[in-house]
N, C-alpha and C. Protein backbone atom coordinates (compact mmCIF):
# COMPACT_ATOMS: atom_id res chain seq x y z
N UNK A 1 16.70 -28.44 -6.73
CA UNK A 1 15.45 -27.91 -6.22
C UNK A 1 15.63 -26.43 -5.92
N UNK A 2 14.65 -25.58 -6.33
CA UNK A 2 14.79 -24.15 -6.08
C UNK A 2 14.67 -23.82 -4.59
N UNK A 3 15.41 -22.81 -4.20
CA UNK A 3 15.37 -22.39 -2.81
C UNK A 3 14.03 -21.71 -2.52
N UNK A 4 13.30 -22.14 -1.50
CA UNK A 4 11.99 -21.52 -1.22
C UNK A 4 12.17 -20.10 -0.66
N UNK A 5 11.35 -19.22 -1.16
CA UNK A 5 11.37 -17.84 -0.69
C UNK A 5 9.97 -17.46 -0.24
N UNK A 6 9.88 -16.36 0.46
CA UNK A 6 8.59 -15.91 0.95
C UNK A 6 8.33 -14.52 0.39
N UNK A 7 8.01 -14.44 -0.86
CA UNK A 7 7.71 -13.17 -1.49
C UNK A 7 8.96 -12.45 -1.94
N UNK A 8 8.75 -11.34 -2.61
CA UNK A 8 9.86 -10.54 -3.13
C UNK A 8 10.63 -9.91 -1.98
N UNK A 9 11.94 -9.82 -2.12
CA UNK A 9 12.78 -9.27 -1.06
C UNK A 9 13.36 -7.91 -1.44
N UNK A 10 12.80 -7.26 -2.40
CA UNK A 10 13.21 -5.91 -2.79
C UNK A 10 14.70 -5.82 -3.11
N UNK A 11 15.19 -6.77 -3.83
CA UNK A 11 16.56 -6.71 -4.31
C UNK A 11 17.61 -7.11 -3.31
N UNK A 12 17.30 -7.95 -2.36
CA UNK A 12 18.28 -8.38 -1.39
C UNK A 12 17.70 -9.46 -0.51
N UNK A 13 18.40 -9.75 0.55
CA UNK A 13 17.93 -10.75 1.49
C UNK A 13 16.96 -10.16 2.51
N UNK A 14 16.45 -11.00 3.37
CA UNK A 14 15.48 -10.52 4.37
C UNK A 14 16.08 -9.51 5.35
N UNK A 15 17.34 -9.67 5.70
CA UNK A 15 17.98 -8.72 6.62
C UNK A 15 18.12 -7.36 5.97
N UNK A 16 18.54 -7.36 4.70
CA UNK A 16 18.66 -6.09 3.98
C UNK A 16 17.31 -5.41 3.83
N UNK A 17 16.28 -6.20 3.56
CA UNK A 17 14.94 -5.63 3.41
C UNK A 17 14.48 -4.99 4.72
N UNK A 18 14.71 -5.68 5.83
CA UNK A 18 14.28 -5.15 7.13
C UNK A 18 15.00 -3.83 7.44
N UNK A 19 16.31 -3.80 7.20
CA UNK A 19 17.07 -2.59 7.44
C UNK A 19 16.62 -1.44 6.53
N UNK A 20 16.38 -1.76 5.27
CA UNK A 20 15.96 -0.74 4.32
C UNK A 20 14.59 -0.17 4.69
N UNK A 21 13.64 -1.03 5.06
CA UNK A 21 12.31 -0.56 5.42
C UNK A 21 12.32 0.23 6.73
N UNK A 22 13.15 -0.18 7.68
CA UNK A 22 13.26 0.58 8.92
C UNK A 22 13.83 1.97 8.66
N UNK A 23 14.82 2.05 7.78
CA UNK A 23 15.40 3.36 7.44
C UNK A 23 14.39 4.21 6.68
N UNK A 24 13.60 3.60 5.81
CA UNK A 24 12.57 4.35 5.10
C UNK A 24 11.50 4.85 6.06
N UNK A 25 11.15 4.05 7.07
CA UNK A 25 10.19 4.50 8.08
C UNK A 25 10.75 5.68 8.84
N UNK A 26 12.02 5.64 9.16
CA UNK A 26 12.67 6.75 9.85
C UNK A 26 12.60 8.02 9.00
N UNK A 27 12.89 7.90 7.72
CA UNK A 27 12.82 9.05 6.82
C UNK A 27 11.39 9.56 6.67
N UNK A 28 10.42 8.65 6.67
CA UNK A 28 9.02 9.04 6.58
C UNK A 28 8.61 9.87 7.79
N UNK A 29 9.01 9.46 8.98
CA UNK A 29 8.65 10.20 10.18
C UNK A 29 9.40 11.53 10.26
N UNK A 30 10.59 11.58 9.71
CA UNK A 30 11.36 12.81 9.74
C UNK A 30 10.83 13.84 8.77
N UNK A 31 10.50 13.41 7.54
CA UNK A 31 10.10 14.34 6.48
C UNK A 31 8.60 14.37 6.24
N UNK A 32 7.83 13.52 6.87
CA UNK A 32 6.37 13.42 6.77
C UNK A 32 5.89 12.84 5.43
N UNK A 33 6.72 12.83 4.42
CA UNK A 33 6.38 12.19 3.15
C UNK A 33 7.65 11.88 2.38
N UNK A 34 7.66 10.75 1.68
CA UNK A 34 8.82 10.39 0.87
C UNK A 34 8.32 9.82 -0.45
N UNK A 35 9.15 9.93 -1.48
CA UNK A 35 8.83 9.36 -2.77
C UNK A 35 9.71 8.14 -2.98
N UNK A 36 9.09 7.04 -3.37
CA UNK A 36 9.81 5.79 -3.58
C UNK A 36 9.03 4.98 -4.61
N UNK A 37 9.47 3.76 -4.86
CA UNK A 37 8.72 2.93 -5.80
C UNK A 37 7.43 2.45 -5.13
N UNK A 38 6.49 2.11 -5.94
CA UNK A 38 5.18 1.67 -5.44
C UNK A 38 5.30 0.41 -4.57
N UNK A 39 6.15 -0.51 -4.97
CA UNK A 39 6.32 -1.76 -4.22
C UNK A 39 6.91 -1.48 -2.84
N UNK A 40 7.92 -0.63 -2.78
CA UNK A 40 8.52 -0.32 -1.49
C UNK A 40 7.53 0.42 -0.59
N UNK A 41 6.74 1.30 -1.18
CA UNK A 41 5.74 2.03 -0.40
C UNK A 41 4.71 1.07 0.20
N UNK A 42 4.29 0.09 -0.59
CA UNK A 42 3.31 -0.87 -0.09
C UNK A 42 3.90 -1.76 1.00
N UNK A 43 5.20 -2.07 0.89
CA UNK A 43 5.85 -2.87 1.93
C UNK A 43 6.12 -2.05 3.19
N UNK A 44 6.30 -0.73 3.03
CA UNK A 44 6.59 0.15 4.16
C UNK A 44 5.34 0.48 4.97
N UNK A 45 4.20 0.53 4.33
CA UNK A 45 2.98 1.00 4.99
C UNK A 45 2.64 0.25 6.29
N UNK A 46 2.58 -1.08 6.32
CA UNK A 46 2.24 -1.74 7.59
C UNK A 46 3.28 -1.53 8.68
N UNK A 47 4.55 -1.40 8.30
CA UNK A 47 5.59 -1.17 9.30
C UNK A 47 5.42 0.21 9.93
N UNK A 48 5.21 1.22 9.10
CA UNK A 48 5.04 2.58 9.60
C UNK A 48 3.79 2.69 10.47
N UNK A 49 2.71 2.06 10.06
CA UNK A 49 1.46 2.14 10.83
C UNK A 49 1.62 1.45 12.18
N UNK A 50 2.35 0.36 12.24
CA UNK A 50 2.58 -0.32 13.51
C UNK A 50 3.40 0.56 14.45
N UNK A 51 4.40 1.25 13.90
CA UNK A 51 5.22 2.13 14.73
C UNK A 51 4.41 3.31 15.26
N UNK A 52 3.51 3.85 14.45
CA UNK A 52 2.66 4.95 14.91
C UNK A 52 1.72 4.46 16.00
N UNK A 53 1.23 3.24 15.88
CA UNK A 53 0.36 2.68 16.92
C UNK A 53 1.12 2.55 18.23
N UNK A 54 2.36 2.12 18.17
CA UNK A 54 3.18 2.08 19.40
C UNK A 54 3.35 3.48 19.97
N UNK A 55 3.59 4.45 19.10
CA UNK A 55 3.79 5.83 19.56
C UNK A 55 2.53 6.38 20.22
N UNK A 56 1.37 5.98 19.74
CA UNK A 56 0.12 6.43 20.37
C UNK A 56 -0.01 5.90 21.78
N UNK A 57 0.50 4.70 22.04
CA UNK A 57 0.47 4.17 23.42
C UNK A 57 1.30 5.04 24.34
N UNK A 58 2.48 5.41 23.88
CA UNK A 58 3.29 6.40 24.57
C UNK A 58 4.02 5.95 25.81
N UNK A 59 3.94 4.68 26.21
CA UNK A 59 4.63 4.26 27.42
C UNK A 59 6.09 3.89 27.10
N UNK A 60 6.82 3.58 28.14
CA UNK A 60 8.25 3.29 27.99
C UNK A 60 8.49 2.03 27.17
N UNK A 61 7.68 1.02 27.39
CA UNK A 61 7.86 -0.23 26.64
C UNK A 61 7.63 0.00 25.15
N UNK A 62 6.61 0.80 24.80
CA UNK A 62 6.35 1.11 23.39
C UNK A 62 7.52 1.88 22.79
N UNK A 63 8.08 2.81 23.55
CA UNK A 63 9.23 3.58 23.05
C UNK A 63 10.42 2.66 22.79
N UNK A 64 10.64 1.72 23.69
CA UNK A 64 11.77 0.79 23.50
C UNK A 64 11.54 -0.13 22.32
N UNK A 65 10.29 -0.55 22.09
CA UNK A 65 10.01 -1.39 20.92
C UNK A 65 10.21 -0.64 19.62
N UNK A 66 9.86 0.65 19.61
CA UNK A 66 10.08 1.46 18.41
C UNK A 66 11.57 1.66 18.20
N UNK A 67 12.32 1.86 19.29
CA UNK A 67 13.76 2.09 19.16
C UNK A 67 14.52 0.85 18.70
N UNK A 68 13.90 -0.31 18.77
CA UNK A 68 14.52 -1.51 18.19
C UNK A 68 14.59 -1.39 16.67
N UNK A 69 13.59 -0.72 16.09
CA UNK A 69 13.54 -0.61 14.63
C UNK A 69 14.13 0.70 14.13
N UNK A 70 13.83 1.80 14.80
CA UNK A 70 14.35 3.10 14.38
C UNK A 70 15.48 3.47 15.32
N UNK A 71 16.68 3.59 14.78
CA UNK A 71 17.86 3.78 15.60
C UNK A 71 18.14 5.24 15.93
N UNK A 72 17.52 6.18 15.22
CA UNK A 72 17.75 7.60 15.45
C UNK A 72 16.82 8.09 16.57
N UNK A 73 17.43 8.48 17.70
CA UNK A 73 16.63 8.90 18.86
C UNK A 73 15.84 10.18 18.58
N UNK A 74 16.37 11.04 17.73
CA UNK A 74 15.66 12.27 17.39
C UNK A 74 14.36 11.99 16.64
N UNK A 75 14.40 11.01 15.74
CA UNK A 75 13.20 10.64 14.99
C UNK A 75 12.18 9.98 15.91
N UNK A 76 12.65 9.15 16.84
CA UNK A 76 11.74 8.51 17.80
C UNK A 76 11.09 9.56 18.67
N UNK A 77 11.85 10.54 19.10
CA UNK A 77 11.30 11.62 19.92
C UNK A 77 10.23 12.40 19.14
N UNK A 78 10.52 12.70 17.87
CA UNK A 78 9.56 13.41 17.03
C UNK A 78 8.29 12.57 16.83
N UNK A 79 8.46 11.27 16.65
CA UNK A 79 7.31 10.38 16.48
C UNK A 79 6.42 10.40 17.71
N UNK A 80 7.00 10.34 18.89
CA UNK A 80 6.22 10.26 20.12
C UNK A 80 5.65 11.61 20.54
N UNK A 81 6.37 12.70 20.29
CA UNK A 81 5.92 14.00 20.80
C UNK A 81 5.14 14.83 19.79
N UNK A 82 5.40 14.66 18.49
CA UNK A 82 4.73 15.49 17.49
C UNK A 82 3.70 14.73 16.67
N UNK A 83 4.05 13.54 16.21
CA UNK A 83 3.16 12.80 15.31
C UNK A 83 2.04 12.10 16.08
N UNK A 84 2.37 11.43 17.17
CA UNK A 84 1.37 10.67 17.93
C UNK A 84 0.22 11.54 18.42
N UNK A 85 0.43 12.75 18.96
CA UNK A 85 -0.72 13.56 19.37
C UNK A 85 -1.61 13.99 18.21
N UNK A 86 -1.04 14.13 17.01
CA UNK A 86 -1.84 14.54 15.85
C UNK A 86 -2.77 13.44 15.36
N UNK A 87 -2.38 12.18 15.58
CA UNK A 87 -3.20 11.05 15.12
C UNK A 87 -3.88 10.35 16.28
N UNK A 88 -4.00 11.05 17.40
CA UNK A 88 -4.54 10.45 18.63
C UNK A 88 -5.97 9.93 18.44
N UNK A 89 -6.81 10.67 17.71
CA UNK A 89 -8.21 10.28 17.54
C UNK A 89 -8.45 9.40 16.32
N UNK A 90 -7.41 9.12 15.57
CA UNK A 90 -7.54 8.30 14.36
C UNK A 90 -7.36 6.83 14.73
N UNK A 91 -8.25 5.97 14.25
CA UNK A 91 -8.22 4.55 14.60
C UNK A 91 -7.32 3.72 13.69
N UNK A 92 -6.76 4.29 12.70
CA UNK A 92 -5.89 3.58 11.77
C UNK A 92 -5.76 4.41 10.51
N UNK A 93 -5.04 3.90 9.54
CA UNK A 93 -4.87 4.65 8.30
C UNK A 93 -4.02 5.88 8.51
N UNK A 94 -2.87 5.70 9.12
CA UNK A 94 -1.99 6.82 9.41
C UNK A 94 -1.16 7.22 8.21
N UNK A 95 -1.11 6.38 7.18
CA UNK A 95 -0.33 6.68 5.99
C UNK A 95 -1.21 6.63 4.75
N UNK A 96 -0.75 7.32 3.72
CA UNK A 96 -1.48 7.37 2.45
C UNK A 96 -0.47 7.16 1.34
N UNK A 97 -0.82 6.33 0.36
CA UNK A 97 0.04 6.10 -0.80
C UNK A 97 -0.64 6.71 -2.02
N UNK A 98 0.10 7.59 -2.71
CA UNK A 98 -0.42 8.23 -3.92
C UNK A 98 0.52 7.88 -5.06
N UNK A 99 -0.01 7.26 -6.10
CA UNK A 99 0.81 6.91 -7.26
C UNK A 99 1.12 8.18 -8.06
N UNK A 100 2.39 8.32 -8.47
CA UNK A 100 2.80 9.56 -9.12
C UNK A 100 3.30 9.39 -10.54
N UNK A 101 3.33 8.21 -11.07
CA UNK A 101 3.79 8.03 -12.44
C UNK A 101 4.92 7.03 -12.51
N UNK A 102 5.80 7.23 -13.49
CA UNK A 102 6.87 6.27 -13.73
C UNK A 102 8.21 6.98 -13.75
N UNK A 103 9.24 6.29 -13.28
CA UNK A 103 10.58 6.85 -13.24
C UNK A 103 11.14 6.92 -14.66
N UNK A 104 11.89 7.97 -14.93
CA UNK A 104 12.39 8.21 -16.28
C UNK A 104 13.37 7.15 -16.74
N UNK A 105 14.27 6.71 -15.88
CA UNK A 105 15.33 5.80 -16.31
C UNK A 105 14.87 4.39 -16.59
N UNK A 106 14.16 3.77 -15.65
CA UNK A 106 13.79 2.36 -15.80
C UNK A 106 12.29 2.13 -15.84
N UNK A 107 11.50 3.21 -15.89
CA UNK A 107 10.05 3.12 -16.00
C UNK A 107 9.41 2.40 -14.80
N UNK A 108 10.05 2.48 -13.65
CA UNK A 108 9.50 1.87 -12.44
C UNK A 108 8.35 2.74 -11.92
N UNK A 109 7.25 2.12 -11.49
CA UNK A 109 6.12 2.91 -10.98
C UNK A 109 6.50 3.58 -9.65
N UNK A 110 6.32 4.90 -9.58
CA UNK A 110 6.67 5.65 -8.38
C UNK A 110 5.41 5.98 -7.58
N UNK A 111 5.61 6.20 -6.30
CA UNK A 111 4.51 6.57 -5.41
C UNK A 111 5.05 7.45 -4.30
N UNK A 112 4.19 8.27 -3.75
CA UNK A 112 4.51 9.07 -2.58
C UNK A 112 3.77 8.46 -1.41
N UNK A 113 4.49 8.17 -0.34
CA UNK A 113 3.84 7.70 0.88
C UNK A 113 3.98 8.82 1.89
N UNK A 114 2.86 9.21 2.51
CA UNK A 114 2.86 10.35 3.41
C UNK A 114 2.03 10.03 4.64
N UNK A 115 2.32 10.75 5.71
CA UNK A 115 1.55 10.61 6.94
C UNK A 115 0.26 11.41 6.81
N UNK A 116 -0.84 10.85 7.30
CA UNK A 116 -2.12 11.54 7.29
C UNK A 116 -2.25 12.20 8.66
N UNK A 117 -2.04 13.50 8.70
CA UNK A 117 -2.02 14.23 9.97
C UNK A 117 -3.23 15.15 10.13
N UNK A 118 -4.16 15.15 9.16
CA UNK A 118 -5.34 15.98 9.27
C UNK A 118 -6.24 15.47 10.39
N UNK A 119 -6.94 16.35 11.09
CA UNK A 119 -7.84 15.86 12.15
C UNK A 119 -9.00 15.07 11.57
N UNK A 120 -9.49 14.12 12.36
CA UNK A 120 -10.57 13.25 11.93
C UNK A 120 -11.90 13.97 12.09
N UNK A 121 -12.73 13.93 11.06
CA UNK A 121 -14.08 14.46 11.15
C UNK A 121 -15.01 13.34 11.60
N UNK A 122 -15.62 13.44 12.79
CA UNK A 122 -16.47 12.34 13.25
C UNK A 122 -17.70 12.21 12.38
N UNK A 123 -18.03 10.98 12.05
CA UNK A 123 -19.20 10.72 11.23
C UNK A 123 -20.44 10.71 12.11
N UNK A 124 -21.52 11.28 11.60
CA UNK A 124 -22.78 11.32 12.34
C UNK A 124 -23.54 10.05 12.04
N UNK A 125 -23.99 9.39 13.08
CA UNK A 125 -24.75 8.15 12.91
C UNK A 125 -26.08 8.46 12.24
N UNK A 126 -26.63 7.51 11.49
CA UNK A 126 -27.87 7.72 10.76
C UNK A 126 -29.04 7.97 11.71
N UNK A 127 -29.10 7.25 12.83
CA UNK A 127 -30.21 7.42 13.77
C UNK A 127 -30.15 8.81 14.41
N UNK A 128 -28.94 9.25 14.77
CA UNK A 128 -28.81 10.57 15.37
C UNK A 128 -29.17 11.66 14.37
N UNK A 129 -28.79 11.49 13.12
CA UNK A 129 -29.09 12.48 12.10
C UNK A 129 -30.60 12.56 11.88
N UNK A 130 -31.27 11.41 11.88
CA UNK A 130 -32.72 11.40 11.70
C UNK A 130 -33.41 12.05 12.90
N UNK A 131 -32.92 11.80 14.09
CA UNK A 131 -33.51 12.40 15.29
C UNK A 131 -33.31 13.92 15.28
N UNK A 132 -32.14 14.38 14.85
CA UNK A 132 -31.90 15.82 14.78
C UNK A 132 -32.77 16.46 13.71
N UNK A 133 -33.02 15.75 12.61
CA UNK A 133 -33.85 16.29 11.54
C UNK A 133 -35.31 16.38 11.96
N UNK A 134 -35.76 15.48 12.82
CA UNK A 134 -37.15 15.49 13.25
C UNK A 134 -37.42 16.54 14.31
N UNK A 135 -36.45 16.90 15.13
CA UNK A 135 -36.65 17.88 16.20
C UNK A 135 -37.09 19.24 15.68
N UNK A 136 -36.45 19.83 14.67
CA UNK A 136 -36.92 21.14 14.19
C UNK A 136 -38.32 21.05 13.59
N UNK A 137 -38.66 19.94 12.96
CA UNK A 137 -40.00 19.79 12.39
C UNK A 137 -41.05 19.79 13.50
N UNK A 138 -40.74 19.18 14.63
CA UNK A 138 -41.67 19.16 15.74
C UNK A 138 -41.89 20.57 16.27
N UNK A 139 -40.84 21.38 16.35
CA UNK A 139 -40.97 22.75 16.81
C UNK A 139 -41.80 23.56 15.84
N UNK A 140 -41.63 23.34 14.54
CA UNK A 140 -42.41 24.06 13.54
C UNK A 140 -43.87 23.66 13.65
N UNK A 141 -44.12 22.38 13.91
CA UNK A 141 -45.50 21.91 14.04
C UNK A 141 -46.17 22.55 15.26
N UNK A 142 -45.41 22.75 16.34
CA UNK A 142 -45.97 23.39 17.52
C UNK A 142 -46.27 24.86 17.25
N UNK A 143 -45.42 25.51 16.45
CA UNK A 143 -45.63 26.92 16.14
C UNK A 143 -46.73 27.11 15.12
N UNK A 144 -47.00 26.12 14.30
CA UNK A 144 -47.98 26.25 13.23
C UNK A 144 -49.39 26.56 13.75
N UNK A 145 -49.91 25.91 14.80
CA UNK A 145 -51.25 26.27 15.27
C UNK A 145 -51.32 27.70 15.76
N UNK A 146 -50.27 28.18 16.41
CA UNK A 146 -50.27 29.56 16.88
C UNK A 146 -50.30 30.52 15.70
N UNK A 147 -49.52 30.20 14.66
CA UNK A 147 -49.49 31.05 13.47
C UNK A 147 -50.84 31.02 12.77
N UNK A 148 -51.49 29.85 12.76
CA UNK A 148 -52.80 29.74 12.12
C UNK A 148 -53.84 30.57 12.88
N UNK A 149 -53.78 30.54 14.23
CA UNK A 149 -54.71 31.33 15.03
C UNK A 149 -54.49 32.82 14.79
N UNK A 150 -53.23 33.24 14.69
CA UNK A 150 -52.93 34.65 14.45
C UNK A 150 -53.43 35.06 13.08
N UNK A 151 -53.29 34.20 12.10
CA UNK A 151 -53.77 34.50 10.75
C UNK A 151 -55.29 34.61 10.74
N UNK A 152 -55.96 33.74 11.52
CA UNK A 152 -57.42 33.78 11.57
C UNK A 152 -57.90 35.07 12.21
N UNK A 153 -57.22 35.55 13.25
CA UNK A 153 -57.64 36.80 13.91
C UNK A 153 -57.36 38.00 13.03
N UNK A 154 -56.32 37.95 12.22
CA UNK A 154 -56.00 39.06 11.34
C UNK A 154 -56.87 39.04 10.09
N UNK A 155 -57.31 37.89 9.65
CA UNK A 155 -58.09 37.78 8.41
C UNK A 155 -59.42 38.52 8.52
N UNK A 156 -60.23 38.38 9.59
CA UNK A 156 -61.49 39.13 9.65
C UNK A 156 -61.25 40.64 9.68
N UNK A 157 -60.18 41.06 10.35
CA UNK A 157 -59.90 42.50 10.39
C UNK A 157 -59.54 42.99 9.00
N UNK A 158 -58.79 42.22 8.25
CA UNK A 158 -58.43 42.60 6.90
C UNK A 158 -59.65 42.61 6.00
N UNK A 159 -60.57 41.66 6.17
CA UNK A 159 -61.80 41.62 5.37
C UNK A 159 -62.66 42.86 5.66
N UNK A 160 -62.72 43.24 6.92
CA UNK A 160 -63.51 44.41 7.29
C UNK A 160 -62.91 45.65 6.69
N UNK A 161 -61.60 45.78 6.69
CA UNK A 161 -60.94 46.94 6.11
C UNK A 161 -61.15 46.98 4.62
N UNK A 162 -61.14 45.84 3.95
CA UNK A 162 -61.35 45.77 2.50
C UNK A 162 -62.78 46.19 2.16
N UNK A 163 -63.77 45.80 2.99
CA UNK A 163 -65.18 46.16 2.75
C UNK A 163 -65.38 47.66 2.92
N UNK A 164 -64.69 48.26 3.90
CA UNK A 164 -64.83 49.70 4.11
C UNK A 164 -64.27 50.47 2.95
N UNK A 165 -63.17 50.02 2.36
CA UNK A 165 -62.58 50.70 1.21
C UNK A 165 -63.49 50.58 0.00
N UNK A 166 -64.15 49.42 -0.14
CA UNK A 166 -65.01 49.20 -1.29
C UNK A 166 -66.22 50.13 -1.22
N UNK A 167 -66.72 50.43 -0.04
CA UNK A 167 -67.91 51.27 0.10
C UNK A 167 -67.52 52.67 -0.16
């Protein structure tokens, strides 16, 4: 009977996979982007995002939980002090995977996984946008009767001036 497995183990056992992904997460936080195979990048993404979520909490317990996986104290410090404040307003999606082609030797699909550190642009709600669009129209409508009255007072004077020139 075949030995039951739980998905691909990236060329080793579960312990080796865990160690390899933790080290890749450490390198990702240190260098902000790394190039690896597409499969490894997809396996790394949830681990890295979970660690960033812990770093956003910023308390001692979160730091200790991160240090269980990332053994380099310098990288943990960088994660908590530099990366976490940059993604403070982001609700998720701290990493991005970009496919880059194929490796020359074995034609393995390569990808770059990088941290998304750009500030979040808040989306404007549809109701708020409609309300903002209607406000200037209301001001224009209020100004329109005044402009019409001014045009009416100027029109007879212009007509009178035109009649004098004609005579």
